[in-house]
Structures are given as structure tokens and as C-alpha cells.
């Protein structure tokens, strides 16, 4: 559970630090894209990223 929040926090922090407010809106999209990229190399990490995206969407909605 802790790593899910760390993934979300990482993307939000990177988006805010870059000043890109549109990137903050795409946090779940970014997490899912990274999960897709990692799926073949590290399925466990890919699942953590997917879980982080779902957790983010459940909070935002």
C-alpha cells in the first residue's frame, strides 16, 4: 500500500515541480503507461503502478 502512494506522490511532485498543471491531471495516465512499459520486465512493479493509478482515480472521483 505504501508503494502505491509513493508512486502517486512521485508523479504529482514531478508534475508540480515542472509547473505543468495539465500533467497533474494525467497522473493516472502516466502511471498506466509506465505499467504497460514495465509489464514484460517486471510484472509485479507493473501491477503496483496499475494499483496506484486506480487508487488515484478513486480519490479524484
PDB file of N, CA and C in Angstrom:
ATOM      1  N   UNK A   1       0.835  -1.193   0.000  1.00  0.00           N
ATOM      2  CA  UNK A   1       0.000   0.000   0.000  1.00  0.00           C
ATOM      3  C   UNK A   1       0.878   1.254   0.000  1.00  0.00           C
ATOM      4  N   UNK A   2       1.953   1.168   0.733  1.00  0.00           N
ATOM      5  CA  UNK A   2       2.831   2.333   0.846  1.00  0.00           C
ATOM      6  C   UNK A   2       3.462   2.691  -0.498  1.00  0.00           C
ATOM      7  N   UNK A   3       3.825   1.673  -1.275  1.00  0.00           N
ATOM      8  CA  UNK A   3       4.460   1.952  -2.560  1.00  0.00           C
ATOM      9  C   UNK A   3       3.472   2.567  -3.541  1.00  0.00           C
ATOM     10  N   UNK A   4       2.202   2.235  -3.415  1.00  0.00           N
ATOM     11  CA  UNK A   4       1.177   2.842  -4.274  1.00  0.00           C
ATOM     12  C   UNK A   4       1.183   4.348  -4.079  1.00  0.00           C
ATOM     13  N   UNK A   5       1.151   4.763  -2.845  1.00  0.00           N
ATOM     14  CA  UNK A   5       1.138   6.200  -2.565  1.00  0.00           C
ATOM     15  C   UNK A   5       2.444   6.869  -2.957  1.00  0.00           C
ATOM     16  N   UNK A   6       3.539   6.145  -2.846  1.00  0.00           N
ATOM     17  CA  UNK A   6       4.807   6.736  -3.248  1.00  0.00           C
ATOM     18  C   UNK A   6       4.852   6.954  -4.757  1.00  0.00           C
ATOM     19  N   UNK A   7       4.246   6.046  -5.533  1.00  0.00           N
ATOM     20  CA  UNK A   7       4.179   6.230  -6.990  1.00  0.00           C
ATOM     21  C   UNK A   7       3.329   7.448  -7.340  1.00  0.00           C
ATOM     22  N   UNK A   8       2.192   7.563  -6.691  1.00  0.00           N
ATOM     23  CA  UNK A   8       1.311   8.708  -6.954  1.00  0.00           C
ATOM     24  C   UNK A   8       2.009  10.002  -6.564  1.00  0.00           C
ATOM     25  N   UNK A   9       2.611  10.012  -5.399  1.00  0.00           N
ATOM     26  CA  UNK A   9       3.297  11.222  -4.934  1.00  0.00           C
ATOM     27  C   UNK A   9       4.436  11.602  -5.864  1.00  0.00           C
ATOM     28  N   UNK A  10       5.152  10.620  -6.368  1.00  0.00           N
ATOM     29  CA  UNK A  10       6.252  10.895  -7.287  1.00  0.00           C
ATOM     30  C   UNK A  10       5.747  11.612  -8.534  1.00  0.00           C
ATOM     31  N   UNK A  11       4.663  11.135  -9.136  1.00  0.00           N
ATOM     32  CA  UNK A  11       4.150  11.758 -10.350  1.00  0.00           C
ATOM     33  C   UNK A  11       3.577  13.140 -10.079  1.00  0.00           C
ATOM     34  N   UNK A  12       2.898  13.300  -8.971  1.00  0.00           N
ATOM     35  CA  UNK A  12       2.355  14.616  -8.646  1.00  0.00           C
ATOM     36  C   UNK A  12       3.490  15.596  -8.383  1.00  0.00           C
ATOM     37  N   UNK A  13       4.483  15.170  -7.621  1.00  0.00           N
ATOM     38  CA  UNK A  13       5.607  16.042  -7.313  1.00  0.00           C
ATOM     39  C   UNK A  13       6.350  16.444  -8.581  1.00  0.00           C
ATOM     40  N   UNK A  14       6.598  15.497  -9.466  1.00  0.00           N
ATOM     41  CA  UNK A  14       7.311  15.800 -10.717  1.00  0.00           C
ATOM     42  C   UNK A  14       6.503  16.751 -11.586  1.00  0.00           C
ATOM     43  N   UNK A  15       5.192  16.603 -11.592  1.00  0.00           N
ATOM     44  CA  UNK A  15       4.335  17.463 -12.402  1.00  0.00           C
ATOM     45  C   UNK A  15       4.292  18.879 -11.852  1.00  0.00           C
ATOM     46  N   UNK A  16       4.175  18.997 -10.554  1.00  0.00           N
ATOM     47  CA  UNK A  16       4.116  20.318  -9.930  1.00  0.00           C
ATOM     48  C   UNK A  16       5.468  21.016 -10.039  1.00  0.00           C
ATOM     49  N   UNK A  17       6.540  20.280  -9.839  1.00  0.00           N
ATOM     50  CA  UNK A  17       7.883  20.861  -9.918  1.00  0.00           C
ATOM     51  C   UNK A  17       8.180  21.398 -11.312  1.00  0.00           C
ATOM     52  N   UNK A  18       7.638  20.744 -12.331  1.00  0.00           N
ATOM     53  CA  UNK A  18       7.872  21.203 -13.696  1.00  0.00           C
ATOM     54  C   UNK A  18       6.926  22.341 -14.073  1.00  0.00           C
ATOM     55  N   UNK A  19       5.935  22.614 -13.234  1.00  0.00           N
ATOM     56  CA  UNK A  19       4.994  23.699 -13.496  1.00  0.00           C
ATOM     57  C   UNK A  19       3.922  23.329 -14.504  1.00  0.00           C
ATOM     58  N   UNK A  20       3.837  22.080 -14.860  1.00  0.00           N
ATOM     59  CA  UNK A  20       2.871  21.614 -15.854  1.00  0.00           C
ATOM     60  C   UNK A  20       1.592  21.167 -15.144  1.00  0.00           C
ATOM     61  N   UNK A  21       0.597  22.049 -15.103  1.00  0.00           N
ATOM     62  CA  UNK A  21      -0.642  21.719 -14.398  1.00  0.00           C
ATOM     63  C   UNK A  21      -1.451  20.673 -15.142  1.00  0.00           C
ATOM     64  N   UNK A  22      -1.287  20.572 -16.450  1.00  0.00           N
ATOM     65  CA  UNK A  22      -2.006  19.542 -17.207  1.00  0.00           C
ATOM     66  C   UNK A  22      -1.464  18.149 -16.889  1.00  0.00           C
ATOM     67  N   UNK A  23      -0.190  18.065 -16.551  1.00  0.00           N
ATOM     68  CA  UNK A  23       0.401  16.774 -16.210  1.00  0.00           C
ATOM     69  C   UNK A  23      -0.191  16.224 -14.924  1.00  0.00           C
ATOM     70  N   UNK A  24      -0.554  17.109 -14.004  1.00  0.00           N
ATOM     71  CA  UNK A  24      -1.170  16.653 -12.755  1.00  0.00           C
ATOM     72  C   UNK A  24      -2.472  15.924 -13.054  1.00  0.00           C
ATOM     73  N   UNK A  25      -3.207  16.396 -14.047  1.00  0.00           N
ATOM     74  CA  UNK A  25      -4.462  15.765 -14.430  1.00  0.00           C
ATOM     75  C   UNK A  25      -4.233  14.398 -15.051  1.00  0.00           C
ATOM     76  N   UNK A  26      -3.052  14.167 -15.601  1.00  0.00           N
ATOM     77  CA  UNK A  26      -2.759  12.904 -16.262  1.00  0.00           C
ATOM     78  C   UNK A  26      -1.945  11.943 -15.420  1.00  0.00           C
ATOM     79  N   UNK A  27      -2.028  12.068 -14.115  1.00  0.00           N
ATOM     80  CA  UNK A  27      -1.250  11.198 -13.234  1.00  0.00           C
ATOM     81  C   UNK A  27      -1.610   9.743 -13.471  1.00  0.00           C
ATOM     82  N   UNK A  28      -2.884   9.424 -13.510  1.00  0.00           N
ATOM     83  CA  UNK A  28      -3.302   8.037 -13.717  1.00  0.00           C
ATOM     84  C   UNK A  28      -2.846   7.535 -15.082  1.00  0.00           C
ATOM     85  N   UNK A  29      -2.933   8.389 -16.085  1.00  0.00           N
ATOM     86  CA  UNK A  29      -2.496   8.007 -17.427  1.00  0.00           C
ATOM     87  C   UNK A  29      -1.005   7.697 -17.435  1.00  0.00           C
ATOM     88  N   UNK A  30      -0.212   8.541 -16.792  1.00  0.00           N
ATOM     89  CA  UNK A  30       1.231   8.316 -16.719  1.00  0.00           C
ATOM     90  C   UNK A  30       1.563   7.013 -15.989  1.00  0.00           C
ATOM     91  N   UNK A  31       0.849   6.750 -14.906  1.00  0.00           N
ATOM     92  CA  UNK A  31       1.077   5.516 -14.161  1.00  0.00           C
ATOM     93  C   UNK A  31       0.746   4.294 -15.017  1.00  0.00           C
ATOM     94  N   UNK A  32      -0.354   4.357 -15.754  1.00  0.00           N
ATOM     95  CA  UNK A  32      -0.746   3.229 -16.596  1.00  0.00           C
ATOM     96  C   UNK A  32       0.234   3.030 -17.753  1.00  0.00           C
ATOM     97  N   UNK A  33       0.749   4.119 -18.316  1.00  0.00           N
ATOM     98  CA  UNK A  33       1.733   3.998 -19.391  1.00  0.00           C
ATOM     99  C   UNK A  33       3.020   3.358 -18.880  1.00  0.00           C
ATOM    100  N   UNK A  34       3.441   3.740 -17.693  1.00  0.00           N
ATOM    101  CA  UNK A  34       4.638   3.122 -17.111  1.00  0.00           C
ATOM    102  C   UNK A  34       4.390   1.657 -16.796  1.00  0.00           C
ATOM    103  N   UNK A  35       3.175   1.331 -16.339  1.00  0.00           N
ATOM    104  CA  UNK A  35       2.844  -0.063 -16.052  1.00  0.00           C
ATOM    105  C   UNK A  35       2.911  -0.896 -17.326  1.00  0.00           C
ATOM    106  N   UNK A  36       2.400  -0.352 -18.413  1.00  0.00           N
ATOM    107  CA  UNK A  36       2.436  -1.072 -19.682  1.00  0.00           C
ATOM    108  C   UNK A  36       3.882  -1.293 -20.134  1.00  0.00           C
ATOM    109  N   UNK A  37       4.718  -0.282 -19.958  1.00  0.00           N
ATOM    110  CA  UNK A  37       6.120  -0.392 -20.352  1.00  0.00           C
ATOM    111  C   UNK A  37       6.876  -1.402 -19.491  1.00  0.00           C
ATOM    112  N   UNK A  38       6.505  -1.515 -18.225  1.00  0.00           N
ATOM    113  CA  UNK A  38       7.195  -2.415 -17.295  1.00  0.00           C
ATOM    114  C   UNK A  38       6.627  -3.832 -17.284  1.00  0.00           C
ATOM    115  N   UNK A  39       5.505  -4.050 -17.936  1.00  0.00           N
ATOM    116  CA  UNK A  39       4.797  -5.331 -17.829  1.00  0.00           C
ATOM    117  C   UNK A  39       5.668  -6.522 -18.227  1.00  0.00           C
ATOM    118  N   UNK A  40       6.459  -6.387 -19.269  1.00  0.00           N
ATOM    119  CA  UNK A  40       7.284  -7.508 -19.712  1.00  0.00           C
ATOM    120  C   UNK A  40       8.509  -7.744 -18.857  1.00  0.00           C
ATOM    121  N   UNK A  41       9.041  -6.685 -18.273  1.00  0.00           N
ATOM    122  CA  UNK A  41      10.270  -6.800 -17.479  1.00  0.00           C
ATOM    123  C   UNK A  41       9.999  -7.108 -16.019  1.00  0.00           C
ATOM    124  N   UNK A  42       9.012  -6.442 -15.451  1.00  0.00           N
ATOM    125  CA  UNK A  42       8.754  -6.575 -14.016  1.00  0.00           C
ATOM    126  C   UNK A  42       7.245  -6.547 -13.769  1.00  0.00           C
ATOM    127  N   UNK A  43       6.577  -7.689 -13.912  1.00  0.00           N
ATOM    128  CA  UNK A  43       5.115  -7.731 -13.769  1.00  0.00           C
ATOM    129  C   UNK A  43       4.613  -7.255 -12.399  1.00  0.00           C
ATOM    130  N   UNK A  44       5.394  -7.527 -11.357  1.00  0.00           N
ATOM    131  CA  UNK A  44       4.976  -7.098 -10.008  1.00  0.00           C
ATOM    132  C   UNK A  44       4.954  -5.574  -9.910  1.00  0.00           C
ATOM    133  N   UNK A  45       5.983  -4.941 -10.432  1.00  0.00           N
ATOM    134  CA  UNK A  45       6.033  -3.479 -10.409  1.00  0.00           C
ATOM    135  C   UNK A  45       4.927  -2.897 -11.287  1.00  0.00           C
ATOM    136  N   UNK A  46       4.662  -3.535 -12.425  1.00  0.00           N
ATOM    137  CA  UNK A  46       3.587  -3.073 -13.301  1.00  0.00           C
ATOM    138  C   UNK A  46       2.243  -3.123 -12.567  1.00  0.00           C
ATOM    139  N   UNK A  47       2.022  -4.179 -11.802  1.00  0.00           N
ATOM    140  CA  UNK A  47       0.769  -4.281 -11.052  1.00  0.00           C
ATOM    141  C   UNK A  47       0.687  -3.211  -9.973  1.00  0.00           C
ATOM    142  N   UNK A  48       1.794  -2.900  -9.334  1.00  0.00           N
ATOM    143  CA  UNK A  48       1.799  -1.825  -8.333  1.00  0.00           C
ATOM    144  C   UNK A  48       1.434  -0.486  -8.975  1.00  0.00           C
ATOM    145  N   UNK A  49       1.963  -0.234 -10.173  1.00  0.00           N
ATOM    146  CA  UNK A  49       1.647   1.007 -10.870  1.00  0.00           C
ATOM    147  C   UNK A  49       0.170   1.066 -11.255  1.00  0.00           C
ATOM    148  N   UNK A  50      -0.377  -0.057 -11.705  1.00  0.00           N
ATOM    149  CA  UNK A  50      -1.812  -0.096 -12.035  1.00  0.00           C
ATOM    150  C   UNK A  50      -2.660   0.163 -10.793  1.00  0.00           C
ATOM    151  N   UNK A  51      -2.261  -0.420  -9.684  1.00  0.00           N
ATOM    152  CA  UNK A  51      -2.982  -0.211  -8.427  1.00  0.00           C
ATOM    153  C   UNK A  51      -2.905   1.250  -8.000  1.00  0.00           C
ATOM    154  N   UNK A  52      -1.745   1.859  -8.211  1.00  0.00           N
ATOM    155  CA  UNK A  52      -1.580   3.276  -7.873  1.00  0.00           C
ATOM    156  C   UNK A  52      -2.493   4.137  -8.730  1.00  0.00           C
ATOM    157  N   UNK A  53      -2.609   3.820 -10.019  1.00  0.00           N
ATOM    158  CA  UNK A  53      -3.496   4.564 -10.903  1.00  0.00           C
ATOM    159  C   UNK A  53      -4.953   4.433 -10.455  1.00  0.00           C
ATOM    160  N   UNK A  54      -5.349   3.226 -10.113  1.00  0.00           N
ATOM    161  CA  UNK A  54      -6.726   3.017  -9.643  1.00  0.00           C
ATOM    162  C   UNK A  54      -6.984   3.731  -8.323  1.00  0.00           C
ATOM    163  N   UNK A  55      -6.024   3.712  -7.425  1.00  0.00           N
ATOM    164  CA  UNK A  55      -6.182   4.411  -6.149  1.00  0.00           C
ATOM    165  C   UNK A  55      -6.302   5.909  -6.382  1.00  0.00           C
ATOM    166  N   UNK A  56      -5.494   6.436  -7.280  1.00  0.00           N
ATOM    167  CA  UNK A  56      -5.556   7.875  -7.594  1.00  0.00           C
ATOM    168  C   UNK A  56      -6.935   8.233  -8.152  1.00  0.00           C
ATOM    169  N   UNK A  57      -7.425   7.424  -9.082  1.00  0.00           N
ATOM    170  CA  UNK A  57      -8.734   7.715  -9.681  1.00  0.00           C
ATOM    171  C   UNK A  57      -9.860   7.615  -8.656  1.00  0.00           C
ATOM    172  N   UNK A  58      -9.748   6.688  -7.726  1.00  0.00           N
ATOM    173  CA  UNK A  58     -10.808   6.564  -6.714  1.00  0.00           C
ATOM    174  C   UNK A  58     -10.829   7.755  -5.772  1.00  0.00           C
ATOM    175  N   UNK A  59      -9.679   8.375  -5.556  1.00  0.00           N
ATOM    176  CA  UNK A  59      -9.611   9.562  -4.694  1.00  0.00           C
ATOM    177  C   UNK A  59     -10.107  10.788  -5.442  1.00  0.00           C
ATOM    178  N   UNK A  60      -9.724  10.892  -6.712  1.00  0.00           N
ATOM    179  CA  UNK A  60     -10.081  12.065  -7.510  1.00  0.00           C
ATOM    180  C   UNK A  60     -11.576  12.109  -7.781  1.00  0.00           C
ATOM    181  N   UNK A  61     -12.160  10.962  -8.033  1.00  0.00           N
ATOM    182  CA  UNK A  61     -13.595  10.920  -8.344  1.00  0.00           C
ATOM    183  C   UNK A  61     -14.363  11.135  -7.089  1.00  0.00           C
TER     184      UNK A  61
END
